[in-house]
């Protein structure tokens, strides 16, 4: 499994370009600052069979696209550190 780590201040968007996979989103608060809270958002992509999927993610003006190969473990992870 090859995780993608990205730090983002503000809005972000993650899009998986394959309808046959399952995407699980987990959010964890990293601090209790009311003005600038920090979160770790983890997306886990799973599939019942090995395949390659495209994942597009954006943070402010930066847009990236990666190909995730779901192998024997059949999962892929994207972690974002966000600050609002």
N, C-alpha and C. Protein backbone atom coordinates (compact mmCIF):
# COMPACT_ATOMS: atom_id res chain seq x y z
N UNK A 1 0.86 -1.18 0.00
CA UNK A 1 0.00 0.00 0.00
C UNK A 1 0.90 1.23 0.00
N UNK A 2 0.65 2.16 -0.91
CA UNK A 2 1.42 3.39 -1.01
C UNK A 2 0.54 4.55 -0.59
N UNK A 3 0.70 5.06 0.63
CA UNK A 3 -0.14 6.18 1.04
C UNK A 3 0.31 7.48 0.37
N UNK A 4 -0.66 8.38 0.18
CA UNK A 4 -0.40 9.72 -0.33
C UNK A 4 -0.62 10.67 0.83
N UNK A 5 0.38 11.48 1.18
CA UNK A 5 0.26 12.45 2.27
C UNK A 5 0.22 13.84 1.68
N UNK A 6 -0.72 14.64 2.15
CA UNK A 6 -0.84 16.00 1.64
C UNK A 6 -1.28 16.91 2.79
N UNK A 7 -0.66 18.06 2.91
CA UNK A 7 -1.08 19.04 3.91
C UNK A 7 -1.81 20.16 3.19
N UNK A 8 -2.96 20.54 3.72
CA UNK A 8 -3.82 21.49 3.02
C UNK A 8 -4.39 22.50 4.01
N UNK A 9 -4.27 23.77 3.71
CA UNK A 9 -4.90 24.82 4.50
C UNK A 9 -6.18 25.23 3.78
N UNK A 10 -7.31 24.93 4.37
CA UNK A 10 -8.57 25.33 3.76
C UNK A 10 -9.28 24.17 3.09
N UNK A 11 -9.97 24.49 2.01
CA UNK A 11 -10.82 23.52 1.34
C UNK A 11 -10.00 22.51 0.54
N UNK A 12 -10.54 21.29 0.44
CA UNK A 12 -9.93 20.25 -0.36
C UNK A 12 -11.04 19.40 -0.97
N UNK A 13 -10.68 18.62 -1.97
CA UNK A 13 -11.65 17.74 -2.63
C UNK A 13 -10.92 16.48 -3.06
N UNK A 14 -11.51 15.31 -2.78
CA UNK A 14 -10.95 14.02 -3.21
C UNK A 14 -12.02 13.31 -4.03
N UNK A 15 -11.62 12.81 -5.20
CA UNK A 15 -12.55 12.13 -6.10
C UNK A 15 -11.91 10.84 -6.61
N UNK A 16 -12.61 9.72 -6.43
CA UNK A 16 -12.15 8.43 -6.94
C UNK A 16 -12.90 8.18 -8.25
N UNK A 17 -12.15 7.96 -9.32
CA UNK A 17 -12.75 7.84 -10.64
C UNK A 17 -13.07 6.39 -11.00
N UNK A 18 -13.63 5.64 -10.07
CA UNK A 18 -14.05 4.27 -10.31
C UNK A 18 -15.22 3.97 -9.39
N UNK A 19 -16.32 3.56 -9.96
CA UNK A 19 -17.55 3.33 -9.18
C UNK A 19 -17.57 1.97 -8.48
N UNK A 20 -16.66 1.06 -8.84
CA UNK A 20 -16.69 -0.29 -8.29
C UNK A 20 -15.88 -0.45 -7.00
N UNK A 21 -15.30 0.62 -6.50
CA UNK A 21 -14.51 0.54 -5.27
C UNK A 21 -15.27 1.19 -4.12
N UNK A 22 -14.86 0.87 -2.92
CA UNK A 22 -15.47 1.44 -1.72
C UNK A 22 -14.49 2.44 -1.12
N UNK A 23 -15.00 3.61 -0.74
CA UNK A 23 -14.16 4.65 -0.15
C UNK A 23 -14.65 4.90 1.28
N UNK A 24 -13.75 4.75 2.23
CA UNK A 24 -14.05 4.98 3.65
C UNK A 24 -13.32 6.24 4.08
N UNK A 25 -14.05 7.16 4.68
CA UNK A 25 -13.47 8.43 5.14
C UNK A 25 -13.44 8.44 6.66
N UNK A 26 -12.27 8.75 7.22
CA UNK A 26 -12.10 8.84 8.66
C UNK A 26 -11.52 10.21 9.00
N UNK A 27 -12.12 10.89 9.97
CA UNK A 27 -11.65 12.22 10.37
C UNK A 27 -11.24 12.17 11.83
N UNK A 28 -10.04 12.70 12.13
CA UNK A 28 -9.55 12.75 13.50
C UNK A 28 -9.08 14.16 13.81
N UNK A 29 -9.51 14.70 14.94
CA UNK A 29 -9.12 16.04 15.36
C UNK A 29 -7.73 15.97 15.98
N UNK A 30 -6.84 16.86 15.55
CA UNK A 30 -5.47 16.87 16.07
C UNK A 30 -5.24 17.90 17.17
N UNK A 31 -6.07 18.96 17.21
CA UNK A 31 -5.94 19.93 18.30
C UNK A 31 -7.31 20.53 18.60
N UNK A 32 -7.41 21.24 19.69
CA UNK A 32 -8.68 21.83 20.12
C UNK A 32 -8.71 23.34 19.91
N UNK A 33 -7.90 23.86 19.03
CA UNK A 33 -7.86 25.29 18.76
C UNK A 33 -9.15 25.70 18.05
N UNK A 34 -9.90 26.62 18.63
CA UNK A 34 -11.17 27.03 18.05
C UNK A 34 -11.02 27.89 16.80
N UNK A 35 -9.94 28.65 16.71
CA UNK A 35 -9.75 29.53 15.56
C UNK A 35 -9.12 28.83 14.37
N UNK A 36 -8.17 27.92 14.61
CA UNK A 36 -7.51 27.20 13.53
C UNK A 36 -7.41 25.71 13.89
N UNK A 37 -8.51 25.00 13.80
CA UNK A 37 -8.44 23.57 14.14
C UNK A 37 -7.67 22.79 13.07
N UNK A 38 -7.03 21.68 13.49
CA UNK A 38 -6.31 20.80 12.56
C UNK A 38 -6.97 19.44 12.59
N UNK A 39 -7.11 18.87 11.43
CA UNK A 39 -7.72 17.55 11.29
C UNK A 39 -6.82 16.66 10.45
N UNK A 40 -6.89 15.37 10.70
CA UNK A 40 -6.27 14.39 9.81
C UNK A 40 -7.43 13.63 9.17
N UNK A 41 -7.55 13.76 7.86
CA UNK A 41 -8.60 13.08 7.11
C UNK A 41 -7.96 11.95 6.33
N UNK A 42 -8.43 10.74 6.56
CA UNK A 42 -7.89 9.56 5.90
C UNK A 42 -8.96 8.95 5.01
N UNK A 43 -8.61 8.72 3.76
CA UNK A 43 -9.48 8.02 2.82
C UNK A 43 -8.86 6.67 2.55
N UNK A 44 -9.59 5.60 2.79
CA UNK A 44 -9.13 4.25 2.51
C UNK A 44 -9.97 3.73 1.34
N UNK A 45 -9.31 3.31 0.28
CA UNK A 45 -9.99 2.82 -0.91
C UNK A 45 -9.82 1.30 -0.95
N UNK A 46 -10.92 0.57 -1.02
CA UNK A 46 -10.86 -0.89 -1.04
C UNK A 46 -11.62 -1.43 -2.24
N UNK A 47 -11.25 -2.64 -2.63
CA UNK A 47 -11.89 -3.31 -3.76
C UNK A 47 -11.91 -4.80 -3.48
N UNK A 48 -12.88 -5.49 -4.07
CA UNK A 48 -12.96 -6.94 -3.90
C UNK A 48 -11.99 -7.68 -4.79
N UNK A 49 -11.48 -7.04 -5.84
CA UNK A 49 -10.53 -7.69 -6.73
C UNK A 49 -9.40 -6.72 -7.06
N UNK A 50 -8.21 -7.22 -7.38
CA UNK A 50 -7.10 -6.33 -7.73
C UNK A 50 -7.42 -5.49 -8.96
N UNK A 51 -7.10 -4.21 -8.90
CA UNK A 51 -7.35 -3.30 -10.02
C UNK A 51 -6.56 -2.02 -9.83
N UNK A 52 -6.56 -1.19 -10.86
CA UNK A 52 -5.92 0.12 -10.81
C UNK A 52 -7.01 1.18 -10.94
N UNK A 53 -7.02 2.13 -10.02
CA UNK A 53 -8.01 3.20 -10.05
C UNK A 53 -7.30 4.54 -10.09
N UNK A 54 -7.97 5.54 -10.64
CA UNK A 54 -7.44 6.91 -10.65
C UNK A 54 -8.09 7.69 -9.53
N UNK A 55 -7.26 8.46 -8.82
CA UNK A 55 -7.73 9.30 -7.72
C UNK A 55 -7.30 10.72 -8.03
N UNK A 56 -8.25 11.63 -7.99
CA UNK A 56 -7.98 13.05 -8.24
C UNK A 56 -8.22 13.80 -6.93
N UNK A 57 -7.27 14.64 -6.54
CA UNK A 57 -7.47 15.43 -5.33
C UNK A 57 -6.97 16.85 -5.56
N UNK A 58 -7.65 17.77 -4.89
CA UNK A 58 -7.34 19.19 -5.05
C UNK A 58 -7.24 19.85 -3.69
N UNK A 59 -6.30 20.76 -3.59
CA UNK A 59 -6.11 21.56 -2.38
C UNK A 59 -5.83 22.98 -2.84
N UNK A 60 -6.79 23.86 -2.57
CA UNK A 60 -6.72 25.24 -3.06
C UNK A 60 -6.53 25.25 -4.57
N UNK A 61 -5.40 25.74 -5.10
CA UNK A 61 -5.16 25.81 -6.54
C UNK A 61 -4.40 24.61 -7.09
N UNK A 62 -3.93 23.74 -6.22
CA UNK A 62 -3.14 22.59 -6.64
C UNK A 62 -4.05 21.39 -6.91
N UNK A 63 -3.93 20.81 -8.11
CA UNK A 63 -4.73 19.65 -8.49
C UNK A 63 -3.77 18.53 -8.90
N UNK A 64 -3.95 17.35 -8.32
CA UNK A 64 -3.10 16.20 -8.63
C UNK A 64 -3.97 15.01 -8.97
N UNK A 65 -3.41 14.09 -9.74
CA UNK A 65 -4.09 12.84 -10.05
C UNK A 65 -3.07 11.72 -9.94
N UNK A 66 -3.42 10.66 -9.23
CA UNK A 66 -2.53 9.51 -9.08
C UNK A 66 -3.29 8.25 -9.48
N UNK A 67 -2.53 7.24 -9.89
CA UNK A 67 -3.10 5.93 -10.14
C UNK A 67 -2.76 5.05 -8.96
N UNK A 68 -3.78 4.46 -8.37
CA UNK A 68 -3.59 3.59 -7.21
C UNK A 68 -3.79 2.16 -7.66
N UNK A 69 -2.80 1.32 -7.37
CA UNK A 69 -2.91 -0.09 -7.71
C UNK A 69 -3.34 -0.84 -6.47
N UNK A 70 -4.51 -1.42 -6.53
CA UNK A 70 -5.03 -2.20 -5.41
C UNK A 70 -4.60 -3.64 -5.64
N UNK A 71 -3.63 -4.11 -4.84
CA UNK A 71 -3.06 -5.43 -5.03
C UNK A 71 -3.68 -6.46 -4.12
N UNK A 72 -2.84 -7.28 -3.52
CA UNK A 72 -3.33 -8.36 -2.65
C UNK A 72 -4.09 -7.83 -1.45
N UNK A 73 -3.60 -6.72 -0.88
CA UNK A 73 -4.33 -6.14 0.26
C UNK A 73 -5.56 -5.41 -0.22
N UNK A 74 -5.59 -5.03 -1.50
CA UNK A 74 -6.72 -4.39 -2.15
C UNK A 74 -7.18 -3.12 -1.45
N UNK A 75 -6.23 -2.31 -1.00
CA UNK A 75 -6.58 -1.03 -0.41
C UNK A 75 -5.50 0.00 -0.67
N UNK A 76 -5.88 1.24 -0.59
CA UNK A 76 -5.01 2.38 -0.85
C UNK A 76 -5.42 3.48 0.11
N UNK A 77 -4.48 4.28 0.57
CA UNK A 77 -4.80 5.27 1.59
C UNK A 77 -4.31 6.65 1.18
N UNK A 78 -5.14 7.66 1.42
CA UNK A 78 -4.79 9.07 1.23
C UNK A 78 -5.01 9.77 2.56
N UNK A 79 -3.97 10.43 3.08
CA UNK A 79 -4.11 11.17 4.33
C UNK A 79 -3.90 12.66 4.07
N UNK A 80 -4.82 13.48 4.58
CA UNK A 80 -4.74 14.93 4.45
C UNK A 80 -4.67 15.55 5.82
N UNK A 81 -3.77 16.49 6.00
CA UNK A 81 -3.75 17.33 7.20
C UNK A 81 -4.40 18.63 6.80
N UNK A 82 -5.50 18.97 7.42
CA UNK A 82 -6.23 20.18 7.03
C UNK A 82 -6.28 21.16 8.17
N UNK A 83 -6.35 22.42 7.80
CA UNK A 83 -6.46 23.52 8.73
C UNK A 83 -7.51 24.46 8.19
N UNK A 84 -8.54 24.77 8.96
CA UNK A 84 -9.58 25.67 8.50
C UNK A 84 -9.33 27.09 8.91
